[in-house]
Amino acid sequence: MSGLIRKLGSFRKNEAGSVVIETAIVVPVLAIMAFGSFEASRIVSRHNELQVAVAEAAAIVLASTPDEQSEIDTVEQVIETSTGLPAGKVRLEIRYRCNSDASLTTDITTCPTGAVISEFIHINIWDTYDPIWKDFGIGDTVSYDIRRRVQIS
């Protein structure tokens, strides 16, 4: 019995290789944390880029005030080109507010006669991002859906 205790005592005194074992435990955890931080920063960065794109879209809408669908389509293309978004990721819709209603309508004829009509452009930009960790079965695609409403009259 005392031989076993002496043997265990010798293991306790021998610290050679402990740094290697500690490193083997800590490095993978730090690598995963760094990788996750990098991906999280890319997700936040993309969201910020899309917020800037919506602000740019609002400025373009205020500068050009499109009235017809062909003008709206042209403004959508300008926004897609200037922001680097693929085609079909920007939608502009004209909406109307009758008097002081809380809701907006897409059909101006639904407003009563003599109503004060306010005209808005509803800007919608959406995109998706697939983080690398999705390849490892962790998480899912990140969807962005950014909307802004600009009053033009």
N, C-alpha and C. Protein backbone atom coordinates (compact mmCIF):
# COMPACT_ATOMS: atom_id res chain seq x y z
N MET A 1 0.82 -1.19 0.00
CA MET A 1 0.00 0.00 0.00
C MET A 1 0.86 1.26 0.00
N SER A 2 1.94 1.22 0.81
CA SER A 2 2.81 2.39 0.86
C SER A 2 3.54 2.59 -0.47
N GLY A 3 3.78 1.52 -1.22
CA GLY A 3 4.42 1.63 -2.53
C GLY A 3 3.52 2.38 -3.51
N LEU A 4 2.24 2.15 -3.42
CA LEU A 4 1.27 2.84 -4.28
C LEU A 4 1.22 4.31 -3.93
N ILE A 5 1.27 4.62 -2.66
CA ILE A 5 1.24 6.03 -2.23
C ILE A 5 2.50 6.74 -2.70
N ARG A 6 3.65 6.06 -2.58
CA ARG A 6 4.90 6.68 -3.05
C ARG A 6 4.82 6.92 -4.57
N LYS A 7 4.28 5.97 -5.29
CA LYS A 7 4.17 6.10 -6.75
C LYS A 7 3.27 7.29 -7.12
N LEU A 8 2.12 7.42 -6.45
CA LEU A 8 1.23 8.56 -6.68
C LEU A 8 1.90 9.87 -6.31
N GLY A 9 2.67 9.87 -5.25
CA GLY A 9 3.41 11.07 -4.84
C GLY A 9 4.42 11.49 -5.89
N SER A 10 5.03 10.52 -6.54
CA SER A 10 6.01 10.87 -7.58
C SER A 10 5.32 11.48 -8.80
N PHE A 11 4.10 11.04 -9.10
CA PHE A 11 3.35 11.66 -10.19
C PHE A 11 3.01 13.11 -9.87
N ARG A 12 2.71 13.36 -8.63
CA ARG A 12 2.33 14.70 -8.21
C ARG A 12 3.50 15.66 -8.29
N LYS A 13 4.69 15.18 -8.00
CA LYS A 13 5.87 16.03 -8.03
C LYS A 13 6.36 16.29 -9.45
N ASN A 14 6.09 15.37 -10.36
CA ASN A 14 6.59 15.49 -11.72
C ASN A 14 5.64 16.38 -12.53
N GLU A 15 6.07 17.60 -12.85
CA GLU A 15 5.23 18.55 -13.58
C GLU A 15 5.68 18.72 -15.03
N ALA A 16 6.60 17.91 -15.47
CA ALA A 16 7.06 17.99 -16.86
C ALA A 16 5.90 17.63 -17.78
N GLY A 17 5.68 18.45 -18.80
CA GLY A 17 4.60 18.20 -19.76
C GLY A 17 3.27 18.83 -19.39
N SER A 18 3.17 19.43 -18.23
CA SER A 18 1.89 20.02 -17.83
C SER A 18 1.52 21.21 -18.71
N VAL A 19 2.51 21.95 -19.18
CA VAL A 19 2.24 23.09 -20.06
C VAL A 19 1.66 22.61 -21.38
N VAL A 20 2.17 21.51 -21.88
CA VAL A 20 1.67 20.97 -23.14
C VAL A 20 0.22 20.53 -22.99
N ILE A 21 -0.09 19.89 -21.89
CA ILE A 21 -1.46 19.43 -21.64
C ILE A 21 -2.40 20.63 -21.49
N GLU A 22 -1.98 21.64 -20.74
CA GLU A 22 -2.82 22.84 -20.57
C GLU A 22 -3.04 23.53 -21.91
N THR A 23 -1.99 23.61 -22.72
CA THR A 23 -2.11 24.23 -24.04
C THR A 23 -3.06 23.43 -24.93
N ALA A 24 -2.97 22.12 -24.86
CA ALA A 24 -3.86 21.27 -25.67
C ALA A 24 -5.32 21.47 -25.30
N ILE A 25 -5.58 21.83 -24.07
CA ILE A 25 -6.96 22.08 -23.63
C ILE A 25 -7.41 23.49 -23.99
N VAL A 26 -6.54 24.48 -23.82
CA VAL A 26 -6.92 25.88 -23.96
C VAL A 26 -6.94 26.34 -25.42
N VAL A 27 -6.00 25.93 -26.25
CA VAL A 27 -5.89 26.44 -27.62
C VAL A 27 -7.15 26.17 -28.45
N PRO A 28 -7.73 24.98 -28.45
CA PRO A 28 -8.96 24.79 -29.24
C PRO A 28 -10.10 25.69 -28.79
N VAL A 29 -10.22 25.89 -27.50
CA VAL A 29 -11.28 26.77 -26.98
C VAL A 29 -11.05 28.20 -27.44
N LEU A 30 -9.82 28.68 -27.36
CA LEU A 30 -9.51 30.04 -27.81
C LEU A 30 -9.71 30.18 -29.33
N ALA A 31 -9.35 29.15 -30.08
CA ALA A 31 -9.53 29.20 -31.53
C ALA A 31 -11.01 29.28 -31.89
N ILE A 32 -11.84 28.51 -31.23
CA ILE A 32 -13.28 28.56 -31.49
C ILE A 32 -13.86 29.92 -31.11
N MET A 33 -13.41 30.48 -29.99
CA MET A 33 -13.88 31.80 -29.58
C MET A 33 -13.46 32.87 -30.59
N ALA A 34 -12.22 32.81 -31.07
CA ALA A 34 -11.74 33.78 -32.05
C ALA A 34 -12.52 33.65 -33.35
N PHE A 35 -12.74 32.43 -33.79
CA PHE A 35 -13.49 32.18 -35.01
C PHE A 35 -14.92 32.69 -34.89
N GLY A 36 -15.55 32.42 -33.76
CA GLY A 36 -16.91 32.90 -33.52
C GLY A 36 -16.98 34.41 -33.48
N SER A 37 -15.99 35.04 -32.87
CA SER A 37 -15.96 36.51 -32.81
C SER A 37 -15.81 37.10 -34.20
N PHE A 38 -14.98 36.48 -35.02
CA PHE A 38 -14.79 36.95 -36.39
C PHE A 38 -16.10 36.87 -37.17
N GLU A 39 -16.79 35.76 -37.08
CA GLU A 39 -18.06 35.60 -37.79
C GLU A 39 -19.11 36.56 -37.26
N ALA A 40 -19.17 36.73 -35.95
CA ALA A 40 -20.14 37.66 -35.37
C ALA A 40 -19.87 39.08 -35.85
N SER A 41 -18.60 39.46 -35.96
CA SER A 41 -18.28 40.80 -36.44
C SER A 41 -18.67 40.96 -37.91
N ARG A 42 -18.55 39.90 -38.70
CA ARG A 42 -18.99 39.97 -40.10
C ARG A 42 -20.50 40.12 -40.20
N ILE A 43 -21.24 39.46 -39.32
CA ILE A 43 -22.70 39.57 -39.31
C ILE A 43 -23.11 41.00 -38.97
N VAL A 44 -22.50 41.57 -37.95
CA VAL A 44 -22.81 42.94 -37.54
C VAL A 44 -22.39 43.92 -38.64
N SER A 45 -21.26 43.68 -39.26
CA SER A 45 -20.78 44.55 -40.33
C SER A 45 -21.75 44.55 -41.51
N ARG A 46 -22.25 43.40 -41.88
CA ARG A 46 -23.20 43.32 -42.99
C ARG A 46 -24.49 44.05 -42.65
N HIS A 47 -24.94 43.92 -41.42
CA HIS A 47 -26.15 44.64 -41.00
C HIS A 47 -25.92 46.14 -41.11
N ASN A 48 -24.75 46.59 -40.69
CA ASN A 48 -24.42 48.01 -40.79
C ASN A 48 -24.37 48.46 -42.25
N GLU A 49 -23.79 47.65 -43.12
CA GLU A 49 -23.76 47.98 -44.55
C GLU A 49 -25.17 48.15 -45.11
N LEU A 50 -26.07 47.28 -44.71
CA LEU A 50 -27.45 47.37 -45.21
C LEU A 50 -28.17 48.58 -44.63
N GLN A 51 -27.87 48.94 -43.39
CA GLN A 51 -28.45 50.16 -42.81
C GLN A 51 -27.98 51.39 -43.60
N VAL A 52 -26.71 51.41 -43.97
CA VAL A 52 -26.19 52.51 -44.78
C VAL A 52 -26.85 52.51 -46.15
N ALA A 53 -27.09 51.32 -46.71
CA ALA A 53 -27.76 51.22 -48.01
C ALA A 53 -29.17 51.77 -47.94
N VAL A 54 -29.89 51.51 -46.86
CA VAL A 54 -31.24 52.05 -46.70
C VAL A 54 -31.20 53.57 -46.57
N ALA A 55 -30.22 54.08 -45.84
CA ALA A 55 -30.09 55.54 -45.71
C ALA A 55 -29.78 56.16 -47.07
N GLU A 56 -28.92 55.51 -47.85
CA GLU A 56 -28.62 55.99 -49.19
C GLU A 56 -29.87 55.93 -50.07
N ALA A 57 -30.65 54.87 -49.94
CA ALA A 57 -31.89 54.75 -50.71
C ALA A 57 -32.86 55.87 -50.35
N ALA A 58 -32.95 56.19 -49.07
CA ALA A 58 -33.83 57.29 -48.65
C ALA A 58 -33.37 58.61 -49.26
N ALA A 59 -32.07 58.83 -49.30
CA ALA A 59 -31.55 60.07 -49.90
C ALA A 59 -31.85 60.11 -51.40
N ILE A 60 -31.71 58.99 -52.07
CA ILE A 60 -32.00 58.93 -53.51
C ILE A 60 -33.48 59.18 -53.76
N VAL A 61 -34.34 58.59 -52.94
CA VAL A 61 -35.79 58.78 -53.09
C VAL A 61 -36.16 60.24 -52.87
N LEU A 62 -35.58 60.86 -51.86
CA LEU A 62 -35.88 62.27 -51.60
C LEU A 62 -35.36 63.17 -52.72
N ALA A 63 -34.26 62.79 -53.33
CA ALA A 63 -33.69 63.61 -54.41
C ALA A 63 -34.46 63.45 -55.71
N SER A 64 -35.01 62.26 -55.96
CA SER A 64 -35.65 62.02 -57.26
C SER A 64 -37.17 61.96 -57.21
N THR A 65 -37.75 61.68 -56.07
CA THR A 65 -39.19 61.50 -55.86
C THR A 65 -39.88 60.81 -57.04
N PRO A 66 -39.73 59.50 -57.16
CA PRO A 66 -40.35 58.77 -58.28
C PRO A 66 -41.87 58.73 -58.14
N ASP A 67 -42.57 58.90 -59.27
CA ASP A 67 -44.03 58.89 -59.26
C ASP A 67 -44.61 57.68 -59.98
N GLU A 68 -43.95 57.23 -61.03
CA GLU A 68 -44.46 56.12 -61.82
C GLU A 68 -43.63 54.87 -61.55
N GLN A 69 -44.20 53.72 -61.91
CA GLN A 69 -43.52 52.45 -61.65
C GLN A 69 -42.18 52.36 -62.38
N SER A 70 -42.10 52.91 -63.59
CA SER A 70 -40.83 52.86 -64.32
C SER A 70 -39.75 53.65 -63.59
N GLU A 71 -40.13 54.79 -63.00
CA GLU A 71 -39.17 55.57 -62.22
C GLU A 71 -38.76 54.83 -60.94
N ILE A 72 -39.71 54.15 -60.33
CA ILE A 72 -39.41 53.36 -59.13
C ILE A 72 -38.44 52.23 -59.47
N ASP A 73 -38.68 51.56 -60.61
CA ASP A 73 -37.78 50.48 -61.04
C ASP A 73 -36.36 51.01 -61.29
N THR A 74 -36.28 52.20 -61.88
CA THR A 74 -34.97 52.80 -62.13
C THR A 74 -34.26 53.11 -60.83
N VAL A 75 -34.98 53.67 -59.86
CA VAL A 75 -34.38 53.98 -58.56
C VAL A 75 -33.94 52.70 -57.86
N GLU A 76 -34.74 51.63 -57.96
CA GLU A 76 -34.34 50.34 -57.38
C GLU A 76 -33.02 49.86 -57.98
N GLN A 77 -32.89 49.99 -59.30
CA GLN A 77 -31.65 49.56 -59.96
C GLN A 77 -30.46 50.41 -59.53
N VAL A 78 -30.68 51.71 -59.38
CA VAL A 78 -29.60 52.60 -58.92
C VAL A 78 -29.16 52.20 -57.52
N ILE A 79 -30.11 51.91 -56.65
CA ILE A 79 -29.79 51.52 -55.28
C ILE A 79 -29.04 50.18 -55.27
N GLU A 80 -29.51 49.22 -56.06
CA GLU A 80 -28.83 47.91 -56.13
C GLU A 80 -27.40 48.06 -56.64
N THR A 81 -27.23 48.91 -57.65
CA THR A 81 -25.89 49.11 -58.21
C THR A 81 -24.98 49.82 -57.23
N SER A 82 -25.47 50.86 -56.59
CA SER A 82 -24.61 51.64 -55.70
C SER A 82 -24.29 50.91 -54.40
N THR A 83 -25.14 49.98 -53.99
CA THR A 83 -24.89 49.25 -52.74
C THR A 83 -24.26 47.88 -52.97
N GLY A 84 -24.21 47.44 -54.22
CA GLY A 84 -23.63 46.13 -54.51
C GLY A 84 -24.55 44.96 -54.21
N LEU A 85 -25.82 45.24 -54.01
CA LEU A 85 -26.78 44.17 -53.75
C LEU A 85 -27.16 43.49 -55.06
N PRO A 86 -27.43 42.18 -55.02
CA PRO A 86 -27.89 41.51 -56.24
C PRO A 86 -29.28 42.00 -56.64
N ALA A 87 -29.62 41.80 -57.90
CA ALA A 87 -30.92 42.23 -58.41
C ALA A 87 -32.05 41.56 -57.63
N GLY A 88 -33.08 42.33 -57.35
CA GLY A 88 -34.25 41.79 -56.65
C GLY A 88 -34.17 41.87 -55.14
N LYS A 89 -33.16 42.53 -54.59
CA LYS A 89 -33.03 42.63 -53.13
C LYS A 89 -33.49 43.99 -52.60
N VAL A 90 -33.99 44.84 -53.49
CA VAL A 90 -34.49 46.16 -53.09
C VAL A 90 -35.90 46.30 -53.64
N ARG A 91 -36.81 46.76 -52.79
CA ARG A 91 -38.17 46.99 -53.26
C ARG A 91 -38.63 48.35 -52.74
N LEU A 92 -39.17 49.14 -53.65
CA LEU A 92 -39.78 50.42 -53.30
C LEU A 92 -41.26 50.35 -53.63
N GLU A 93 -42.08 50.80 -52.70
CA GLU A 93 -43.52 50.81 -52.93
C GLU A 93 -44.08 52.16 -52.51
N ILE A 94 -44.99 52.67 -53.31
CA ILE A 94 -45.68 53.91 -52.94
C ILE A 94 -46.85 53.54 -52.05
N ARG A 95 -46.96 54.24 -50.94
CA ARG A 95 -48.08 54.02 -50.02
C ARG A 95 -48.67 55.38 -49.64
N TYR A 96 -49.93 55.33 -49.22
CA TYR A 96 -50.65 56.57 -48.92
C TYR A 96 -51.26 56.50 -47.53
N ARG A 97 -51.30 57.65 -46.88
CA ARG A 97 -51.99 57.77 -45.60
C ARG A 97 -53.14 58.74 -45.81
N CYS A 98 -54.34 58.29 -45.47
CA CYS A 98 -55.54 59.12 -45.60
C CYS A 98 -55.76 59.83 -44.27
N ASN A 99 -55.83 61.16 -44.34
CA ASN A 99 -55.99 61.99 -43.14
C ASN A 99 -54.92 61.60 -42.11
N SER A 100 -55.33 61.24 -40.91
CA SER A 100 -54.34 60.87 -39.89
C SER A 100 -54.47 59.41 -39.48
N ASP A 101 -54.89 58.57 -40.43
CA ASP A 101 -55.00 57.13 -40.16
C ASP A 101 -53.64 56.56 -39.76
N ALA A 102 -53.67 55.58 -38.90
CA ALA A 102 -52.42 54.93 -38.48
C ALA A 102 -51.88 54.00 -39.55
N SER A 103 -52.77 53.47 -40.38
CA SER A 103 -52.33 52.50 -41.39
C SER A 103 -52.11 53.19 -42.74
N LEU A 104 -51.29 52.55 -43.54
CA LEU A 104 -51.03 53.04 -44.90
C LEU A 104 -51.72 52.11 -45.89
N THR A 105 -52.05 52.65 -47.04
CA THR A 105 -52.69 51.87 -48.09
C THR A 105 -51.90 52.01 -49.38
N THR A 106 -51.99 51.01 -50.23
CA THR A 106 -51.31 51.07 -51.52
C THR A 106 -52.23 51.62 -52.61
N ASP A 107 -53.51 51.78 -52.30
CA ASP A 107 -54.50 52.24 -53.28
C ASP A 107 -55.04 53.59 -52.84
N ILE A 108 -54.72 54.62 -53.59
CA ILE A 108 -55.14 55.98 -53.23
C ILE A 108 -56.65 56.16 -53.34
N THR A 109 -57.32 55.33 -54.13
CA THR A 109 -58.77 55.47 -54.31
C THR A 109 -59.55 55.05 -53.07
N THR A 110 -58.90 54.40 -52.11
CA THR A 110 -59.59 54.01 -50.88
C THR A 110 -59.71 55.18 -49.91
N CYS A 111 -59.03 56.28 -50.19
CA CYS A 111 -59.13 57.46 -49.33
C CYS A 111 -60.44 58.19 -49.62
N PRO A 112 -61.10 58.67 -48.58
CA PRO A 112 -62.36 59.40 -48.80
C PRO A 112 -62.12 60.70 -49.56
N THR A 113 -63.17 61.17 -50.21
CA THR A 113 -63.09 62.43 -50.95
C THR A 113 -62.80 63.57 -50.00
N GLY A 114 -61.86 64.42 -50.38
CA GLY A 114 -61.50 65.57 -49.56
C GLY A 114 -60.51 65.25 -48.45
N ALA A 115 -60.03 64.04 -48.39
CA ALA A 115 -59.08 63.65 -47.34
C ALA A 115 -57.70 64.24 -47.63
N VAL A 116 -56.98 64.53 -46.57
CA VAL A 116 -55.59 64.95 -46.70
C VAL A 116 -54.78 63.67 -46.93
N ILE A 117 -54.12 63.61 -48.08
CA ILE A 117 -53.39 62.40 -48.45
C ILE A 117 -51.90 62.67 -48.38
N SER A 118 -51.21 61.85 -47.59
CA SER A 118 -49.76 61.92 -47.50
C SER A 118 -49.18 60.75 -48.29
N GLU A 119 -48.15 61.04 -49.08
CA GLU A 119 -47.55 60.01 -49.92
C GLU A 119 -46.20 59.59 -49.34
N PHE A 120 -45.99 58.29 -49.29
CA PHE A 120 -44.76 57.72 -48.73
C PHE A 120 -44.14 56.76 -49.74
N ILE A 121 -42.84 56.61 -49.65
CA ILE A 121 -42.15 55.52 -50.35
C ILE A 121 -41.67 54.57 -49.26
N HIS A 122 -42.09 53.33 -49.36
CA HIS A 122 -41.67 52.30 -48.41
C HIS A 122 -40.47 51.58 -49.02
N ILE A 123 -39.32 51.66 -48.36
CA ILE A 123 -38.08 51.05 -48.84
C ILE A 123 -37.85 49.76 -48.07
N ASN A 124 -37.61 48.69 -48.80
CA ASN A 124 -37.33 47.40 -48.17
C ASN A 124 -36.09 46.81 -48.83
N ILE A 125 -35.08 46.54 -48.02
CA ILE A 125 -33.85 45.90 -48.48
C ILE A 125 -33.66 44.64 -47.66
N TRP A 126 -33.42 43.52 -48.33
CA TRP A 126 -33.21 42.27 -47.60
C TRP A 126 -32.03 41.52 -48.19
N ASP A 127 -31.44 40.70 -47.37
CA ASP A 127 -30.29 39.90 -47.79
C ASP A 127 -30.12 38.75 -46.80
N THR A 128 -29.26 37.82 -47.13
CA THR A 128 -28.95 36.71 -46.22
C THR A 128 -27.44 36.55 -46.14
N TYR A 129 -27.00 35.94 -45.07
CA TYR A 129 -25.57 35.66 -44.89
C TYR A 129 -25.45 34.27 -44.28
N ASP A 130 -24.60 33.45 -44.87
CA ASP A 130 -24.35 32.11 -44.35
C ASP A 130 -23.02 32.11 -43.60
N PRO A 131 -23.07 32.10 -42.27
CA PRO A 131 -21.81 32.05 -41.51
C PRO A 131 -21.10 30.72 -41.74
N ILE A 132 -19.80 30.73 -41.61
CA ILE A 132 -19.01 29.52 -41.84
C ILE A 132 -19.37 28.44 -40.84
N TRP A 133 -19.76 28.82 -39.62
CA TRP A 133 -20.07 27.81 -38.62
C TRP A 133 -21.30 26.99 -39.01
N LYS A 134 -22.09 27.49 -39.98
CA LYS A 134 -23.24 26.72 -40.47
C LYS A 134 -22.77 25.42 -41.13
N ASP A 135 -21.58 25.46 -41.75
CA ASP A 135 -21.02 24.26 -42.38
C ASP A 135 -20.73 23.16 -41.37
N PHE A 136 -20.57 23.53 -40.11
CA PHE A 136 -20.30 22.56 -39.05
C PHE A 136 -21.56 22.16 -38.30
N GLY A 137 -22.72 22.59 -38.82
CA GLY A 137 -23.99 22.21 -38.20
C GLY A 137 -24.39 23.08 -37.03
N ILE A 138 -23.74 24.24 -36.89
CA ILE A 138 -24.05 25.14 -35.79
C ILE A 138 -24.74 26.37 -36.37
N GLY A 139 -25.89 26.73 -35.85
CA GLY A 139 -26.58 27.93 -36.29
C GLY A 139 -27.28 27.75 -37.63
N ASP A 140 -27.72 28.88 -38.18
CA ASP A 140 -28.49 28.88 -39.41
C ASP A 140 -28.16 30.13 -40.20
N THR A 141 -28.74 30.26 -41.37
CA THR A 141 -28.55 31.44 -42.21
C THR A 141 -29.10 32.67 -41.49
N VAL A 142 -28.35 33.76 -41.56
CA VAL A 142 -28.79 35.02 -40.95
C VAL A 142 -29.55 35.80 -42.02
N SER A 143 -30.78 36.18 -41.69
CA SER A 143 -31.62 36.93 -42.63
C SER A 143 -31.71 38.38 -42.17
N TYR A 144 -31.52 39.28 -43.12
CA TYR A 144 -31.65 40.71 -42.85
C TYR A 144 -32.89 41.20 -43.58
N ASP A 145 -33.67 42.02 -42.93
CA ASP A 145 -34.85 42.63 -43.54
C ASP A 145 -34.96 44.03 -42.97
N ILE A 146 -34.52 45.01 -43.74
CA ILE A 146 -34.45 46.38 -43.25
C ILE A 146 -35.45 47.22 -44.03
N ARG A 147 -36.25 47.95 -43.28
CA ARG A 147 -37.32 48.76 -43.89
C ARG A 147 -37.21 50.20 -43.41
N ARG A 148 -37.59 51.08 -44.30
CA ARG A 148 -37.64 52.49 -43.95
C ARG A 148 -38.75 53.13 -44.76
N ARG A 149 -39.38 54.11 -44.17
CA ARG A 149 -40.48 54.82 -44.81
C ARG A 149 -40.07 56.28 -44.96
N VAL A 150 -40.23 56.81 -46.17
CA VAL A 150 -39.85 58.19 -46.45
C VAL A 150 -41.08 58.92 -46.97
N GLN A 151 -41.43 60.03 -46.32
CA GLN A 151 -42.57 60.82 -46.78
C GLN A 151 -42.11 61.75 -47.88
N ILE A 152 -42.81 61.69 -49.02
CA ILE A 152 -42.42 62.53 -50.15
C ILE A 152 -43.44 63.62 -50.46
N SER A 153 -44.63 63.54 -49.86
CA SER A 153 -45.60 64.65 -50.01
C SER A 153 -46.62 64.59 -48.91
